[in-house]
Amino acid sequence: VGRLSREKRLDVVLSAVARLAKAEPDLRLLVAGTGPAAGFYADEAKRMGISDRVVFAGYMPDDELRRAYASCDMLVLASTFETQGLVVLEALASGTPVAGMNSRAIPEFVQEGKNGCLFDEASCAEGIMRCLSRATSMKINAVASAREYSMEACTKRLEAAYSLSAEILARTH
């Protein structure tokens, strides 16, 4: 989901799908978004022989994107470049578990076996399968974990941090 650029590492996900294709005949990948590497990734899917399993949907407006998240069994994210992980939170808020690269912001949100699964580049296919095998049981946890990052919850944590900072400053002056 989002901007299709090389640093998003969709090629890692495509390789995992190709690896799982024979054992998982119903496995499909929906790619939402567009960007400078869209053609590269479409060519990679063809080269790997999985273009019939990958749908490049292009840009999706927010309403369509919410429905897409909710209709998928899981979100897969192989980026090692995510510093905020908004896509992860959007998926979790939609009740969609996440299989994500164990890098940067992703492990801040994804708890192995609770609301998703973490993997490294070499174990993407295994991470997908772990997540798919438990996706139904992780959906409720996905929504609950996203609530921890709602605007209200984040505002309360920020206010608490400000209060603590003010207390510390008052004691030192």
Protein backbone atom coordinates (compact mmCIF):
# COMPACT_ATOMS: atom_id res chain seq x y z
CA VAL A 1 0.00 0.00 0.00
CA GLY A 2 1.28 3.44 -0.89
CA ARG A 3 4.14 4.71 -2.96
CA LEU A 4 5.74 2.00 -5.07
CA SER A 5 9.44 2.67 -4.85
CA ARG A 6 12.44 0.35 -4.66
CA GLU A 7 13.04 1.01 -0.94
CA LYS A 8 9.60 -0.49 -0.20
CA ARG A 9 11.14 -3.82 -1.26
CA LEU A 10 8.03 -5.29 -2.85
CA ASP A 11 10.41 -7.61 -4.73
CA VAL A 12 10.95 -9.48 -1.42
CA VAL A 13 7.19 -10.05 -1.14
CA LEU A 14 6.92 -11.07 -4.80
CA SER A 15 9.72 -13.62 -4.29
CA ALA A 16 7.88 -15.01 -1.26
CA VAL A 17 4.64 -15.29 -3.25
CA ALA A 18 6.52 -17.09 -6.04
CA ARG A 19 8.04 -19.45 -3.48
CA LEU A 20 4.62 -20.22 -1.95
CA ALA A 21 2.68 -20.41 -5.24
CA LYS A 22 2.63 -24.18 -5.73
CA ALA A 23 1.75 -25.05 -2.14
CA GLU A 24 -0.85 -22.26 -1.86
CA PRO A 25 -2.98 -22.26 -5.04
CA ASP A 26 -5.40 -19.62 -3.67
CA LEU A 27 -2.68 -17.15 -2.64
CA ARG A 28 -3.15 -13.71 -4.22
CA LEU A 29 -1.42 -10.38 -3.70
CA LEU A 30 -3.16 -7.01 -4.00
CA VAL A 31 -0.75 -4.10 -4.52
CA ALA A 32 -2.36 -0.71 -3.90
CA GLY A 33 -0.49 2.39 -4.93
CA THR A 34 1.66 3.79 -7.65
CA GLY A 35 5.10 5.25 -7.98
CA PRO A 36 8.41 5.18 -9.80
CA ALA A 37 8.95 1.43 -9.38
CA ALA A 38 5.46 0.26 -10.40
CA GLY A 39 6.68 -0.93 -13.81
CA PHE A 40 9.71 -2.62 -12.30
CA TYR A 41 7.55 -4.58 -9.86
CA ALA A 42 5.03 -5.56 -12.57
CA ASP A 43 7.93 -6.82 -14.69
CA GLU A 44 9.31 -8.75 -11.69
CA ALA A 45 5.93 -10.45 -11.17
CA LYS A 46 5.93 -11.50 -14.83
CA ARG A 47 9.54 -12.68 -14.68
CA MET A 48 8.73 -14.79 -11.59
CA GLY A 49 5.68 -16.31 -13.30
CA ILE A 50 3.18 -14.95 -10.76
CA SER A 51 1.56 -12.08 -12.67
CA ASP A 52 -1.72 -14.03 -12.58
CA ARG A 53 -1.57 -13.93 -8.76
CA VAL A 54 -0.72 -10.24 -8.36
CA VAL A 55 -3.21 -7.41 -8.87
CA PHE A 56 -1.64 -3.99 -9.32
CA ALA A 57 -4.64 -1.84 -8.39
CA GLY A 58 -2.92 1.54 -8.65
CA TYR A 59 -4.00 4.46 -6.50
CA MET A 60 -6.98 3.77 -4.25
CA PRO A 61 -9.01 6.54 -2.58
CA ASP A 62 -9.37 6.26 1.21
CA ASP A 63 -12.84 4.64 1.10
CA GLU A 64 -11.67 1.97 -1.33
CA LEU A 65 -8.47 1.47 0.64
CA ARG A 66 -10.40 0.84 3.87
CA ARG A 67 -12.48 -1.80 2.11
CA ALA A 68 -9.34 -3.33 0.59
CA TYR A 69 -7.67 -3.64 3.99
CA ALA A 70 -10.77 -5.19 5.51
CA SER A 71 -11.20 -7.67 2.64
CA CYS A 72 -7.63 -8.97 2.80
CA ASP A 73 -6.49 -11.75 5.10
CA MET A 74 -3.33 -9.84 5.96
CA LEU A 75 -0.97 -7.03 5.00
CA VAL A 76 2.62 -7.85 4.03
CA LEU A 77 5.25 -5.17 4.38
CA ALA A 78 8.91 -5.86 3.54
CA SER A 79 10.17 -2.29 3.76
CA THR A 80 13.14 -1.55 5.97
CA PHE A 81 12.54 2.15 5.41
CA GLU A 82 9.35 2.69 7.45
CA THR A 83 9.88 5.30 10.14
CA GLN A 84 6.24 5.82 11.11
CA GLY A 85 4.41 2.72 9.94
CA LEU A 86 1.09 4.38 9.13
CA VAL A 87 0.21 1.61 6.68
CA VAL A 88 0.65 -0.91 9.50
CA LEU A 89 -1.70 1.05 11.77
CA GLU A 90 -4.27 1.47 8.98
CA ALA A 91 -4.29 -2.28 8.39
CA LEU A 92 -4.51 -3.11 12.11
CA ALA A 93 -7.34 -0.60 12.59
CA SER A 94 -9.20 -2.42 9.79
CA GLY A 95 -8.80 -5.73 11.61
CA THR A 96 -6.13 -6.92 9.22
CA PRO A 97 -3.11 -8.68 10.76
CA VAL A 98 0.32 -7.67 9.49
CA ALA A 99 3.31 -9.71 8.42
CA GLY A 100 6.13 -7.21 8.46
CA MET A 101 9.87 -6.89 8.23
CA ASN A 102 11.48 -6.87 11.66
CA SER A 103 12.88 -3.39 11.08
CA ARG A 104 12.44 0.23 12.23
CA ALA A 105 8.82 1.12 13.14
CA ILE A 106 7.20 -2.17 12.16
CA PRO A 107 8.08 -4.14 15.34
CA GLU A 108 6.80 -1.19 17.39
CA PHE A 109 3.29 -2.12 16.23
CA VAL A 110 3.40 -5.81 15.29
CA GLN A 111 3.51 -8.33 18.11
CA GLU A 112 4.47 -11.81 16.92
CA GLY A 113 1.46 -14.12 17.01
CA LYS A 114 -0.83 -11.52 18.58
CA ASN A 115 -1.65 -9.10 15.74
CA GLY A 116 0.77 -10.28 13.10
CA CYS A 117 4.16 -11.81 12.42
CA LEU A 118 7.67 -10.45 11.97
CA PHE A 119 10.22 -11.74 9.50
CA ASP A 120 13.58 -10.92 7.99
CA GLU A 121 14.32 -10.88 4.28
CA ALA A 122 15.16 -14.59 4.11
CA SER A 123 12.01 -15.62 6.01
CA CYS A 124 9.33 -13.52 4.31
CA ALA A 125 7.50 -16.59 2.94
CA GLU A 126 7.50 -18.21 6.39
CA GLY A 127 6.23 -14.97 7.95
CA ILE A 128 3.39 -14.85 5.44
CA MET A 129 2.42 -18.44 6.19
CA ARG A 130 2.59 -17.92 9.98
CA CYS A 131 0.35 -14.91 9.64
CA LEU A 132 -2.10 -16.57 7.25
CA SER A 133 -2.41 -19.63 9.47
CA ARG A 134 -3.50 -17.45 12.42
CA ALA A 135 -5.07 -14.49 10.63
CA THR A 136 -8.62 -15.17 11.81
CA SER A 137 -7.64 -15.35 15.47
CA MET A 138 -5.46 -12.22 15.19
CA LYS A 139 -8.14 -9.91 13.72
CA ILE A 140 -9.60 -8.80 17.07
CA ASN A 141 -6.13 -8.24 18.49
CA ALA A 142 -5.25 -6.20 15.41
CA VAL A 143 -8.06 -3.72 16.08
CA ALA A 144 -7.30 -3.58 19.81
CA SER A 145 -3.61 -2.90 19.20
CA ALA A 146 -4.40 -0.08 16.77
CA ARG A 147 -6.55 1.62 19.42
CA GLU A 148 -3.38 2.13 21.48
CA TYR A 149 -2.29 4.58 18.75
CA SER A 150 -5.58 6.44 18.28
CA MET A 151 -5.47 10.22 18.35
CA GLU A 152 -7.02 10.19 21.82
CA ALA A 153 -4.58 7.64 23.23
CA CYS A 154 -1.54 9.41 21.73
CA THR A 155 -2.78 12.77 23.00
CA LYS A 156 -3.13 11.37 26.54
CA ARG A 157 0.41 9.98 26.42
CA LEU A 158 1.74 13.28 25.12
CA GLU A 159 -0.08 15.22 27.85
CA ALA A 160 1.35 12.83 30.47
CA ALA A 161 4.85 13.36 29.08
CA TYR A 162 4.39 17.14 29.21
CA SER A 163 3.12 16.94 32.80
CA LEU A 164 6.06 14.82 33.85
CA SER A 165 8.47 17.21 32.13
CA ALA A 166 6.85 20.17 33.89
CA GLU A 167 7.15 18.38 37.27
CA ILE A 168 10.81 17.61 36.68
CA LEU A 169 11.53 21.19 35.60
CA ALA A 170 9.68 22.56 38.66
CA ARG A 171 11.79 20.36 40.98
CA THR A 172 15.09 21.42 39.40
CA HIS A 173 14.41 25.19 39.47
